[in-house]
Amino acid sequence: MARVGLSEREARERGVAVRIAKLPMSAVIRARAIVEPAGFMKVLIESAGDRVLGFAMLGPESGEVLAAVQTAILGGLPYTVLRDAILAHPTMAEGLNALFAAVPAAPR
């Protein structure tokens, strides 16, 4: 398990509106290749913008994947950078493309 930034509960307690995307590890090609499909990735994106506010992962190599998301958070990058990145295949981090593609659209 790895986590950085706000959890869903912390965001709710602070009154921070977020958009949430979740991806089962069974959807990550690398997790299936090493026969470890249990777990998930979850991301919190600010409701009216594109900043990543939190990330959690339960699954193999979670600390390595977290480092990529933490770098985006520290750099103030929009989530779309990870959504659109060409990530090495097959890696656990490659699942970030699918996770960030599942982020709901911002409210208008």
PDB file of N, CA and C in Angstrom:
ATOM      1  N   MET A   1       0.852  -1.189   0.000  1.00  0.00           N
ATOM      2  CA  MET A   1       0.000   0.000   0.000  1.00  0.00           C
ATOM      3  C   MET A   1       0.884   1.234   0.000  1.00  0.00           C
ATOM      4  N   ALA A   2       0.538   2.159  -0.847  1.00  0.00           N
ATOM      5  CA  ALA A   2       1.243   3.442  -0.896  1.00  0.00           C
ATOM      6  C   ALA A   2       0.205   4.542  -1.054  1.00  0.00           C
ATOM      7  N   ARG A   3       0.479   5.683  -0.437  1.00  0.00           N
ATOM      8  CA  ARG A   3      -0.465   6.805  -0.529  1.00  0.00           C
ATOM      9  C   ARG A   3       0.291   8.111  -0.415  1.00  0.00           C
ATOM     10  N   VAL A   4      -0.167   9.108  -1.159  1.00  0.00           N
ATOM     11  CA  VAL A   4       0.405  10.452  -1.086  1.00  0.00           C
ATOM     12  C   VAL A   4      -0.734  11.455  -1.224  1.00  0.00           C
ATOM     13  N   GLY A   5      -0.614  12.584  -0.541  1.00  0.00           N
ATOM     14  CA  GLY A   5      -1.633  13.624  -0.628  1.00  0.00           C
ATOM     15  C   GLY A   5      -2.863  13.287   0.183  1.00  0.00           C
ATOM     16  N   LEU A   6      -3.989  13.873  -0.206  1.00  0.00           N
ATOM     17  CA  LEU A   6      -5.242  13.694   0.525  1.00  0.00           C
ATOM     18  C   LEU A   6      -5.885  12.343   0.245  1.00  0.00           C
ATOM     19  N   SER A   7      -6.505  11.792   1.267  1.00  0.00           N
ATOM     20  CA  SER A   7      -7.371  10.627   1.077  1.00  0.00           C
ATOM     21  C   SER A   7      -8.772  11.168   0.811  1.00  0.00           C
ATOM     22  N   GLU A   8      -9.659  10.308   0.374  1.00  0.00           N
ATOM     23  CA  GLU A   8     -11.037  10.722   0.120  1.00  0.00           C
ATOM     24  C   GLU A   8     -11.676  11.231   1.412  1.00  0.00           C
ATOM     25  N   ARG A   9     -11.431  10.548   2.499  1.00  0.00           N
ATOM     26  CA  ARG A   9     -11.986  10.961   3.793  1.00  0.00           C
ATOM     27  C   ARG A   9     -11.446  12.329   4.218  1.00  0.00           C
ATOM     28  N   GLU A  10     -10.137  12.538   4.077  1.00  0.00           N
ATOM     29  CA  GLU A  10      -9.543  13.833   4.442  1.00  0.00           C
ATOM     30  C   GLU A  10     -10.125  14.962   3.598  1.00  0.00           C
ATOM     31  N   ALA A  11     -10.301  14.712   2.312  1.00  0.00           N
ATOM     32  CA  ALA A  11     -10.880  15.732   1.437  1.00  0.00           C
ATOM     33  C   ALA A  11     -12.298  16.082   1.893  1.00  0.00           C
ATOM     34  N   ARG A  12     -13.093  15.056   2.197  1.00  0.00           N
ATOM     35  CA  ARG A  12     -14.466  15.268   2.652  1.00  0.00           C
ATOM     36  C   ARG A  12     -14.481  16.054   3.966  1.00  0.00           C
ATOM     37  N   GLU A  13     -13.617  15.676   4.919  1.00  0.00           N
ATOM     38  CA  GLU A  13     -13.563  16.365   6.217  1.00  0.00           C
ATOM     39  C   GLU A  13     -13.142  17.821   6.083  1.00  0.00           C
ATOM     40  N   ARG A  14     -12.320  18.129   5.096  1.00  0.00           N
ATOM     41  CA  ARG A  14     -11.848  19.503   4.872  1.00  0.00           C
ATOM     42  C   ARG A  14     -12.770  20.302   3.955  1.00  0.00           C
ATOM     43  N   GLY A  15     -13.785  19.642   3.427  1.00  0.00           N
ATOM     44  CA  GLY A  15     -14.707  20.317   2.526  1.00  0.00           C
ATOM     45  C   GLY A  15     -14.117  20.576   1.150  1.00  0.00           C
ATOM     46  N   VAL A  16     -13.159  19.767   0.750  1.00  0.00           N
ATOM     47  CA  VAL A  16     -12.510  19.914  -0.558  1.00  0.00           C
ATOM     48  C   VAL A  16     -13.264  19.059  -1.572  1.00  0.00           C
ATOM     49  N   ALA A  17     -13.819  19.696  -2.583  1.00  0.00           N
ATOM     50  CA  ALA A  17     -14.544  18.968  -3.631  1.00  0.00           C
ATOM     51  C   ALA A  17     -13.540  18.312  -4.575  1.00  0.00           C
ATOM     52  N   VAL A  18     -13.744  17.036  -4.852  1.00  0.00           N
ATOM     53  CA  VAL A  18     -12.816  16.294  -5.707  1.00  0.00           C
ATOM     54  C   VAL A  18     -13.566  15.434  -6.713  1.00  0.00           C
ATOM     55  N   ARG A  19     -12.858  15.102  -7.754  1.00  0.00           N
ATOM     56  CA  ARG A  19     -13.297  14.078  -8.702  1.00  0.00           C
ATOM     57  C   ARG A  19     -12.437  12.857  -8.413  1.00  0.00           C
ATOM     58  N   ILE A  20     -13.023  11.682  -8.471  1.00  0.00           N
ATOM     59  CA  ILE A  20     -12.317  10.457  -8.096  1.00  0.00           C
ATOM     60  C   ILE A  20     -12.355   9.459  -9.242  1.00  0.00           C
ATOM     61  N   ALA A  21     -11.210   8.838  -9.464  1.00  0.00           N
ATOM     62  CA  ALA A  21     -11.140   7.732 -10.425  1.00  0.00           C
ATOM     63  C   ALA A  21     -10.485   6.559  -9.719  1.00  0.00           C
ATOM     64  N   LYS A  22     -10.955   5.363 -10.027  1.00  0.00           N
ATOM     65  CA  LYS A  22     -10.417   4.151  -9.421  1.00  0.00           C
ATOM     66  C   LYS A  22     -10.238   3.107 -10.513  1.00  0.00           C
ATOM     67  N   LEU A  23      -9.158   2.343 -10.416  1.00  0.00           N
ATOM     68  CA  LEU A  23      -8.855   1.314 -11.407  1.00  0.00           C
ATOM     69  C   LEU A  23      -8.452   0.041 -10.691  1.00  0.00           C
ATOM     70  N   PRO A  24      -9.100  -1.076 -10.988  1.00  0.00           N
ATOM     71  CA  PRO A  24      -8.670  -2.343 -10.370  1.00  0.00           C
ATOM     72  C   PRO A  24      -7.323  -2.768 -10.959  1.00  0.00           C
ATOM     73  N   MET A  25      -6.485  -3.366 -10.143  1.00  0.00           N
ATOM     74  CA  MET A  25      -5.182  -3.819 -10.627  1.00  0.00           C
ATOM     75  C   MET A  25      -5.339  -4.878 -11.717  1.00  0.00           C
ATOM     76  N   SER A  26      -6.455  -5.561 -11.742  1.00  0.00           N
ATOM     77  CA  SER A  26      -6.689  -6.560 -12.787  1.00  0.00           C
ATOM     78  C   SER A  26      -6.746  -5.926 -14.177  1.00  0.00           C
ATOM     79  N   ALA A  27      -6.903  -4.596 -14.254  1.00  0.00           N
ATOM     80  CA  ALA A  27      -6.915  -3.889 -15.531  1.00  0.00           C
ATOM     81  C   ALA A  27      -5.509  -3.493 -15.985  1.00  0.00           C
ATOM     82  N   VAL A  28      -4.508  -3.706 -15.125  1.00  0.00           N
ATOM     83  CA  VAL A  28      -3.124  -3.343 -15.438  1.00  0.00           C
ATOM     84  C   VAL A  28      -2.424  -4.567 -16.038  1.00  0.00           C
ATOM     85  N   ILE A  29      -1.954  -4.436 -17.256  1.00  0.00           N
ATOM     86  CA  ILE A  29      -1.350  -5.571 -17.968  1.00  0.00           C
ATOM     87  C   ILE A  29      -0.220  -6.210 -17.179  1.00  0.00           C
ATOM     88  N   ARG A  30       0.645  -5.412 -16.590  1.00  0.00           N
ATOM     89  CA  ARG A  30       1.781  -5.952 -15.830  1.00  0.00           C
ATOM     90  C   ARG A  30       1.308  -6.768 -14.629  1.00  0.00           C
ATOM     91  N   ALA A  31       0.267  -6.317 -13.949  1.00  0.00           N
ATOM     92  CA  ALA A  31      -0.267  -7.047 -12.794  1.00  0.00           C
ATOM     93  C   ALA A  31      -0.795  -8.408 -13.223  1.00  0.00           C
ATOM     94  N   ARG A  32      -1.427  -8.447 -14.365  1.00  0.00           N
ATOM     95  CA  ARG A  32      -1.903  -9.738 -14.877  1.00  0.00           C
ATOM     96  C   ARG A  32      -0.731 -10.613 -15.307  1.00  0.00           C
ATOM     97  N   ALA A  33       0.297 -10.010 -15.898  1.00  0.00           N
ATOM     98  CA  ALA A  33       1.452 -10.779 -16.383  1.00  0.00           C
ATOM     99  C   ALA A  33       2.198 -11.474 -15.251  1.00  0.00           C
ATOM    100  N   ILE A  34       2.251 -10.825 -14.081  1.00  0.00           N
ATOM    101  CA  ILE A  34       2.950 -11.440 -12.943  1.00  0.00           C
ATOM    102  C   ILE A  34       1.976 -12.168 -12.016  1.00  0.00           C
ATOM    103  N   VAL A  35       0.752 -12.307 -12.461  1.00  0.00           N
ATOM    104  CA  VAL A  35      -0.312 -13.020 -11.744  1.00  0.00           C
ATOM    105  C   VAL A  35      -0.516 -12.444 -10.336  1.00  0.00           C
ATOM    106  N   GLU A  36      -0.605 -11.106 -10.268  1.00  0.00           N
ATOM    107  CA  GLU A  36      -0.915 -10.410  -9.010  1.00  0.00           C
ATOM    108  C   GLU A  36      -1.965  -9.336  -9.302  1.00  0.00           C
ATOM    109  N   PRO A  37      -3.166  -9.758  -9.695  1.00  0.00           N
ATOM    110  CA  PRO A  37      -4.184  -8.795 -10.107  1.00  0.00           C
ATOM    111  C   PRO A  37      -5.021  -8.188  -8.979  1.00  0.00           C
ATOM    112  N   ALA A  38      -4.731  -8.523  -7.728  1.00  0.00           N
ATOM    113  CA  ALA A  38      -5.518  -7.978  -6.616  1.00  0.00           C
ATOM    114  C   ALA A  38      -5.079  -6.546  -6.310  1.00  0.00           C
ATOM    115  N   GLY A  39      -6.024  -5.731  -5.896  1.00  0.00           N
ATOM    116  CA  GLY A  39      -5.721  -4.361  -5.487  1.00  0.00           C
ATOM    117  C   GLY A  39      -6.357  -3.337  -6.409  1.00  0.00           C
ATOM    118  N   PHE A  40      -5.913  -2.089  -6.257  1.00  0.00           N
ATOM    119  CA  PHE A  40      -6.498  -0.985  -7.024  1.00  0.00           C
ATOM    120  C   PHE A  40      -5.564   0.213  -7.020  1.00  0.00           C
ATOM    121  N   MET A  41      -5.850   1.155  -7.906  1.00  0.00           N
ATOM    122  CA  MET A  41      -5.259   2.501  -7.904  1.00  0.00           C
ATOM    123  C   MET A  41      -6.430   3.467  -7.765  1.00  0.00           C
ATOM    124  N   LYS A  42      -6.208   4.555  -7.041  1.00  0.00           N
ATOM    125  CA  LYS A  42      -7.262   5.549  -6.847  1.00  0.00           C
ATOM    126  C   LYS A  42      -6.628   6.928  -6.837  1.00  0.00           C
ATOM    127  N   VAL A  43      -7.272   7.879  -7.503  1.00  0.00           N
ATOM    128  CA  VAL A  43      -6.745   9.239  -7.555  1.00  0.00           C
ATOM    129  C   VAL A  43      -7.844  10.244  -7.251  1.00  0.00           C
ATOM    130  N   LEU A  44      -7.454  11.327  -6.589  1.00  0.00           N
ATOM    131  CA  LEU A  44      -8.344  12.445  -6.302  1.00  0.00           C
ATOM    132  C   LEU A  44      -7.833  13.655  -7.076  1.00  0.00           C
ATOM    133  N   ILE A  45      -8.712  14.242  -7.869  1.00  0.00           N
ATOM    134  CA  ILE A  45      -8.402  15.418  -8.673  1.00  0.00           C
ATOM    135  C   ILE A  45      -9.274  16.556  -8.187  1.00  0.00           C
ATOM    136  N   GLU A  46      -8.711  17.770  -8.117  1.00  0.00           N
ATOM    137  CA  GLU A  46      -9.537  18.898  -7.688  1.00  0.00           C
ATOM    138  C   GLU A  46     -10.755  19.005  -8.595  1.00  0.00           C
ATOM    139  N   SER A  47     -11.885  19.354  -8.026  1.00  0.00           N
ATOM    140  CA  SER A  47     -13.156  19.344  -8.741  1.00  0.00           C
ATOM    141  C   SER A  47     -13.183  20.304  -9.921  1.00  0.00           C
ATOM    142  N   ALA A  48     -12.735  21.522  -9.705  1.00  0.00           N
ATOM    143  CA  ALA A  48     -12.853  22.542 -10.749  1.00  0.00           C
ATOM    144  C   ALA A  48     -11.576  22.725 -11.564  1.00  0.00           C
ATOM    145  N   GLY A  49     -10.553  21.933 -11.300  1.00  0.00           N
ATOM    146  CA  GLY A  49      -9.294  22.091 -12.028  1.00  0.00           C
ATOM    147  C   GLY A  49      -8.698  20.747 -12.371  1.00  0.00           C
ATOM    148  N   ASP A  50      -7.403  20.734 -12.605  1.00  0.00           N
ATOM    149  CA  ASP A  50      -6.741  19.510 -13.043  1.00  0.00           C
ATOM    150  C   ASP A  50      -5.621  19.035 -12.122  1.00  0.00           C
ATOM    151  N   ARG A  51      -5.471  19.660 -10.945  1.00  0.00           N
ATOM    152  CA  ARG A  51      -4.401  19.251 -10.030  1.00  0.00           C
ATOM    153  C   ARG A  51      -4.716  17.923  -9.356  1.00  0.00           C
ATOM    154  N   VAL A  52      -3.687  17.118  -9.205  1.00  0.00           N
ATOM    155  CA  VAL A  52      -3.794  15.862  -8.469  1.00  0.00           C
ATOM    156  C   VAL A  52      -3.681  16.204  -6.986  1.00  0.00           C
ATOM    157  N   LEU A  53      -4.670  15.814  -6.197  1.00  0.00           N
ATOM    158  CA  LEU A  53      -4.666  16.111  -4.763  1.00  0.00           C
ATOM    159  C   LEU A  53      -4.304  14.909  -3.912  1.00  0.00           C
ATOM    160  N   GLY A  54      -4.479  13.703  -4.456  1.00  0.00           N
ATOM    161  CA  GLY A  54      -4.157  12.510  -3.688  1.00  0.00           C
ATOM    162  C   GLY A  54      -4.116  11.285  -4.574  1.00  0.00           C
ATOM    163  N   PHE A  55      -3.374  10.284  -4.113  1.00  0.00           N
ATOM    164  CA  PHE A  55      -3.235   9.033  -4.850  1.00  0.00           C
ATOM    165  C   PHE A  55      -3.015   7.912  -3.851  1.00  0.00           C
ATOM    166  N   ALA A  56      -3.643   6.789  -4.111  1.00  0.00           N
ATOM    167  CA  ALA A  56      -3.424   5.598  -3.284  1.00  0.00           C
ATOM    168  C   ALA A  56      -3.358   4.386  -4.211  1.00  0.00           C
ATOM    169  N   MET A  57      -2.541   3.425  -3.820  1.00  0.00           N
ATOM    170  CA  MET A  57      -2.442   2.187  -4.588  1.00  0.00           C
ATOM    171  C   MET A  57      -2.222   1.034  -3.635  1.00  0.00           C
ATOM    172  N   LEU A  58      -2.982  -0.017  -3.856  1.00  0.00           N
ATOM    173  CA  LEU A  58      -2.797  -1.266  -3.146  1.00  0.00           C
ATOM    174  C   LEU A  58      -2.475  -2.299  -4.212  1.00  0.00           C
ATOM    175  N   GLY A  59      -1.232  -2.725  -4.243  1.00  0.00           N
ATOM    176  CA  GLY A  59      -0.815  -3.680  -5.255  1.00  0.00           C
ATOM    177  C   GLY A  59       0.698  -3.726  -5.353  1.00  0.00           C
ATOM    178  N   PRO A  60       1.196  -4.619  -6.196  1.00  0.00           N
ATOM    179  CA  PRO A  60       2.633  -4.773  -6.339  1.00  0.00           C
ATOM    180  C   PRO A  60       3.288  -3.507  -6.900  1.00  0.00           C
ATOM    181  N   GLU A  61       4.482  -3.221  -6.395  1.00  0.00           N
ATOM    182  CA  GLU A  61       5.283  -2.085  -6.852  1.00  0.00           C
ATOM    183  C   GLU A  61       4.603  -0.739  -6.609  1.00  0.00           C
ATOM    184  N   SER A  62       3.737  -0.680  -5.590  1.00  0.00           N
ATOM    185  CA  SER A  62       2.978   0.545  -5.336  1.00  0.00           C
ATOM    186  C   SER A  62       3.878   1.742  -5.014  1.00  0.00           C
ATOM    187  N   GLY A  63       4.977   1.512  -4.326  1.00  0.00           N
ATOM    188  CA  GLY A  63       5.887   2.612  -4.008  1.00  0.00           C
ATOM    189  C   GLY A  63       6.516   3.212  -5.244  1.00  0.00           C
ATOM    190  N   GLU A  64       6.822   2.382  -6.219  1.00  0.00           N
ATOM    191  CA  GLU A  64       7.414   2.865  -7.470  1.00  0.00           C
ATOM    192  C   GLU A  64       6.414   3.697  -8.266  1.00  0.00           C
ATOM    193  N   VAL A  65       5.182   3.236  -8.335  1.00  0.00           N
ATOM    194  CA  VAL A  65       4.147   3.966  -9.061  1.00  0.00           C
ATOM    195  C   VAL A  65       3.843   5.278  -8.349  1.00  0.00           C
ATOM    196  N   LEU A  66       3.776   5.228  -7.026  1.00  0.00           N
ATOM    197  CA  LEU A  66       3.513   6.425  -6.236  1.00  0.00           C
ATOM    198  C   LEU A  66       4.527   7.517  -6.541  1.00  0.00           C
ATOM    199  N   ALA A  67       5.794   7.158  -6.728  1.00  0.00           N
ATOM    200  CA  ALA A  67       6.844   8.156  -6.984  1.00  0.00           C
ATOM    201  C   ALA A  67       6.533   8.975  -8.234  1.00  0.00           C
ATOM    202  N   ALA A  68       5.974   8.348  -9.253  1.00  0.00           N
ATOM    203  CA  ALA A  68       5.628   9.078 -10.477  1.00  0.00           C
ATOM    204  C   ALA A  68       4.517  10.092 -10.205  1.00  0.00           C
ATOM    205  N   VAL A  69       3.507   9.677  -9.460  1.00  0.00           N
ATOM    206  CA  VAL A  69       2.393  10.576  -9.150  1.00  0.00           C
ATOM    207  C   VAL A  69       2.857  11.684  -8.204  1.00  0.00           C
ATOM    208  N   GLN A  70       3.685  11.332  -7.233  1.00  0.00           N
ATOM    209  CA  GLN A  70       4.199  12.336  -6.303  1.00  0.00           C
ATOM    210  C   GLN A  70       5.004  13.405  -7.036  1.00  0.00           C
ATOM    211  N   THR A  71       5.762  13.011  -8.027  1.00  0.00           N
ATOM    212  CA  THR A  71       6.528  13.970  -8.826  1.00  0.00           C
ATOM    213  C   THR A  71       5.581  14.933  -9.541  1.00  0.00           C
ATOM    214  N   ALA A  72       4.491  14.410 -10.076  1.00  0.00           N
ATOM    215  CA  ALA A  72       3.501  15.267 -10.739  1.00  0.00           C
ATOM    216  C   ALA A  72       2.878  16.242  -9.741  1.00  0.00           C
ATOM    217  N   ILE A  73       2.578  15.758  -8.541  1.00  0.00           N
ATOM    218  CA  ILE A  73       2.003  16.624  -7.508  1.00  0.00           C
ATOM    219  C   ILE A  73       2.994  17.725  -7.139  1.00  0.00           C
ATOM    220  N   LEU A  74       4.232  17.353  -6.865  1.00  0.00           N
ATOM    221  CA  LEU A  74       5.246  18.335  -6.474  1.00  0.00           C
ATOM    222  C   LEU A  74       5.517  19.351  -7.578  1.00  0.00           C
ATOM    223  N   GLY A  75       5.437  18.904  -8.824  1.00  0.00           N
ATOM    224  CA  GLY A  75       5.675  19.789  -9.954  1.00  0.00           C
ATOM    225  C   GLY A  75       4.464  20.605 -10.365  1.00  0.00           C
ATOM    226  N   GLY A  76       3.328  20.372  -9.707  1.00  0.00           N
ATOM    227  CA  GLY A  76       2.119  21.109 -10.041  1.00  0.00           C
ATOM    228  C   GLY A  76       1.578  20.780 -11.426  1.00  0.00           C
ATOM    229  N   LEU A  77       1.874  19.587 -11.915  1.00  0.00           N
ATOM    230  CA  LEU A  77       1.427  19.194 -13.250  1.00  0.00           C
ATOM    231  C   LEU A  77      -0.049  18.794 -13.245  1.00  0.00           C
ATOM    232  N   PRO A  78      -0.758  19.066 -14.312  1.00  0.00           N
ATOM    233  CA  PRO A  78      -2.146  18.603 -14.393  1.00  0.00           C
ATOM    234  C   PRO A  78      -2.166  17.084 -14.583  1.00  0.00           C
ATOM    235  N   TYR A  79      -3.237  16.454 -14.151  1.00  0.00           N
ATOM    236  CA  TYR A  79      -3.343  15.001 -14.275  1.00  0.00           C
ATOM    237  C   TYR A  79      -3.257  14.546 -15.722  1.00  0.00           C
ATOM    238  N   THR A  80      -3.591  15.427 -16.642  1.00  0.00           N
ATOM    239  CA  THR A  80      -3.579  15.070 -18.061  1.00  0.00           C
ATOM    240  C   THR A  80      -2.179  14.724 -18.563  1.00  0.00           C
ATOM    241  N   VAL A  81      -1.157  15.220 -17.891  1.00  0.00           N
ATOM    242  CA  VAL A  81       0.217  14.869 -18.283  1.00  0.00           C
ATOM    243  C   VAL A  81       0.436  13.372 -18.114  1.00  0.00           C
ATOM    244  N   LEU A  82       0.002  12.803 -16.997  1.00  0.00           N
ATOM    245  CA  LEU A  82       0.138  11.362 -16.792  1.00  0.00           C
ATOM    246  C   LEU A  82      -0.861  10.579 -17.642  1.00  0.00           C
ATOM    247  N   ARG A  83      -2.027  11.133 -17.835  1.00  0.00           N
ATOM    248  CA  ARG A  83      -3.026  10.466 -18.682  1.00  0.00           C
ATOM    249  C   ARG A  83      -2.500  10.283 -20.105  1.00  0.00           C
ATOM    250  N   ASP A  84      -1.816  11.296 -20.611  1.00  0.00           N
ATOM    251  CA  ASP A  84      -1.380  11.306 -22.002  1.00  0.00           C
ATOM    252  C   ASP A  84       0.057  10.843 -22.218  1.00  0.00           C
ATOM    253  N   ALA A  85       0.769  10.557 -21.131  1.00  0.00           N
ATOM    254  CA  ALA A  85       2.170  10.144 -21.246  1.00  0.00           C
ATOM    255  C   ALA A  85       2.298   8.771 -21.904  1.00  0.00           C
ATOM    256  N   ILE A  86       3.381   8.584 -22.605  1.00  0.00           N
ATOM    257  CA  ILE A  86       3.698   7.260 -23.130  1.00  0.00           C
ATOM    258  C   ILE A  86       4.606   6.615 -22.090  1.00  0.00           C
ATOM    259  N   LEU A  87       4.056   5.668 -21.341  1.00  0.00           N
ATOM    260  CA  LEU A  87       4.779   5.028 -20.249  1.00  0.00           C
ATOM    261  C   LEU A  87       5.291   3.665 -20.696  1.00  0.00           C
ATOM    262  N   ALA A  88       6.416   3.261 -20.138  1.00  0.00           N
ATOM    263  CA  ALA A  88       7.053   2.000 -20.521  1.00  0.00           C
ATOM    264  C   ALA A  88       6.090   0.829 -20.354  1.00  0.00           C
ATOM    265  N   HIS A  89       6.221  -0.142 -21.259  1.00  0.00           N
ATOM    266  CA  HIS A  89       5.362  -1.330 -21.262  1.00  0.00           C
ATOM    267  C   HIS A  89       6.226  -2.573 -21.180  1.00  0.00           C
ATOM    268  N   PRO A  90       5.868  -3.542 -20.402  1.00  0.00           N
ATOM    269  CA  PRO A  90       4.779  -3.573 -19.432  1.00  0.00           C
ATOM    270  C   PRO A  90       5.298  -3.187 -18.055  1.00  0.00           C
ATOM    271  N   THR A  91       4.740  -2.160 -17.476  1.00  0.00           N
ATOM    272  CA  THR A  91       5.091  -1.737 -16.118  1.00  0.00           C
ATOM    273  C   THR A  91       3.807  -1.483 -15.336  1.00  0.00           C
ATOM    274  N   MET A  92       3.922  -1.454 -14.015  1.00  0.00           N
ATOM    275  CA  MET A  92       2.759  -1.111 -13.185  1.00  0.00           C
ATOM    276  C   MET A  92       2.351   0.341 -13.445  1.00  0.00           C
ATOM    277  N   ALA A  93       3.339   1.211 -13.651  1.00  0.00           N
ATOM    278  CA  ALA A  93       3.047   2.631 -13.884  1.00  0.00           C
ATOM    279  C   ALA A  93       2.212   2.848 -15.136  1.00  0.00           C
ATOM    280  N   GLU A  94       2.285   1.927 -16.058  1.00  0.00           N
ATOM    281  CA  GLU A  94       1.497   2.022 -17.276  1.00  0.00           C
ATOM    282  C   GLU A  94      -0.010   2.084 -16.952  1.00  0.00           C
ATOM    283  N   GLY A  95      -0.396   1.549 -15.819  1.00  0.00           N
ATOM    284  CA  GLY A  95      -1.791   1.616 -15.389  1.00  0.00           C
ATOM    285  C   GLY A  95      -2.261   3.031 -15.120  1.00  0.00           C
ATOM    286  N   LEU A  96      -1.316   3.959 -14.921  1.00  0.00           N
ATOM    287  CA  LEU A  96      -1.694   5.351 -14.678  1.00  0.00           C
ATOM    288  C   LEU A  96      -2.437   5.940 -15.870  1.00  0.00           C
ATOM    289  N   ASN A  97      -2.084   5.516 -17.085  1.00  0.00           N
ATOM    290  CA  ASN A  97      -2.803   6.019 -18.265  1.00  0.00           C
ATOM    291  C   ASN A  97      -4.293   5.730 -18.144  1.00  0.00           C
ATOM    292  N   ALA A  98      -4.634   4.492 -17.835  1.00  0.00           N
ATOM    293  CA  ALA A  98      -6.036   4.101 -17.722  1.00  0.00           C
ATOM    294  C   ALA A  98      -6.703   4.762 -16.522  1.00  0.00           C
ATOM    295  N   LEU A  99      -5.994   4.850 -15.404  1.00  0.00           N
ATOM    296  CA  LEU A  99      -6.552   5.489 -14.215  1.00  0.00           C
ATOM    297  C   LEU A  99      -6.920   6.937 -14.499  1.00  0.00           C
ATOM    298  N   PHE A 100      -5.978   7.689 -15.040  1.00  0.00           N
ATOM    299  CA  PHE A 100      -6.235   9.112 -15.287  1.00  0.00           C
ATOM    300  C   PHE A 100      -7.203   9.339 -16.441  1.00  0.00           C
ATOM    301  N   ALA A 101      -7.319   8.381 -17.354  1.00  0.00           N
ATOM    302  CA  ALA A 101      -8.320   8.481 -18.416  1.00  0.00           C
ATOM    303  C   ALA A 101      -9.735   8.328 -17.857  1.00  0.00           C
ATOM    304  N   ALA A 102      -9.847   7.706 -16.681  1.00  0.00           N
ATOM    305  CA  ALA A 102     -11.153   7.481 -16.046  1.00  0.00           C
ATOM    306  C   ALA A 102     -11.611   8.638 -15.158  1.00  0.00           C
ATOM    307  N   VAL A 103     -10.820   9.715 -15.072  1.00  0.00           N
ATOM    308  CA  VAL A 103     -11.203  10.866 -14.248  1.00  0.00           C
ATOM    309  C   VAL A 103     -12.461  11.507 -14.859  1.00  0.00           C
ATOM    310  N   PRO A 104     -13.501  11.684 -14.062  1.00  0.00           N
ATOM    311  CA  PRO A 104     -14.717  12.313 -14.576  1.00  0.00           C
ATOM    312  C   PRO A 104     -14.451  13.760 -15.023  1.00  0.00           C
ATOM    313  N   ALA A 105     -15.213  14.220 -15.964  1.00  0.00           N
ATOM    314  CA  ALA A 105     -15.070  15.599 -16.435  1.00  0.00           C
ATOM    315  C   ALA A 105     -15.368  16.591 -15.313  1.00  0.00           C
ATOM    316  N   ALA A 106     -14.719  17.729 -15.365  1.00  0.00           N
ATOM    317  CA  ALA A 106     -14.944  18.783 -14.365  1.00  0.00           C
ATOM    318  C   ALA A 106     -16.346  19.355 -14.534  1.00  0.00           C
ATOM    319  N   PRO A 107     -16.971  19.719 -13.419  1.00  0.00           N
ATOM    320  CA  PRO A 107     -18.314  20.316 -13.505  1.00  0.00           C
ATOM    321  C   PRO A 107     -18.244  21.664 -14.217  1.00  0.00           C
ATOM    322  N   ARG A 108     -19.306  21.995 -14.877  1.00  0.00           N
ATOM    323  CA  ARG A 108     -19.355  23.292 -15.602  1.00  0.00           C
ATOM    324  C   ARG A 108     -20.213  24.268 -14.875  1.00  0.00           C
TER     325      ARG A 108
END
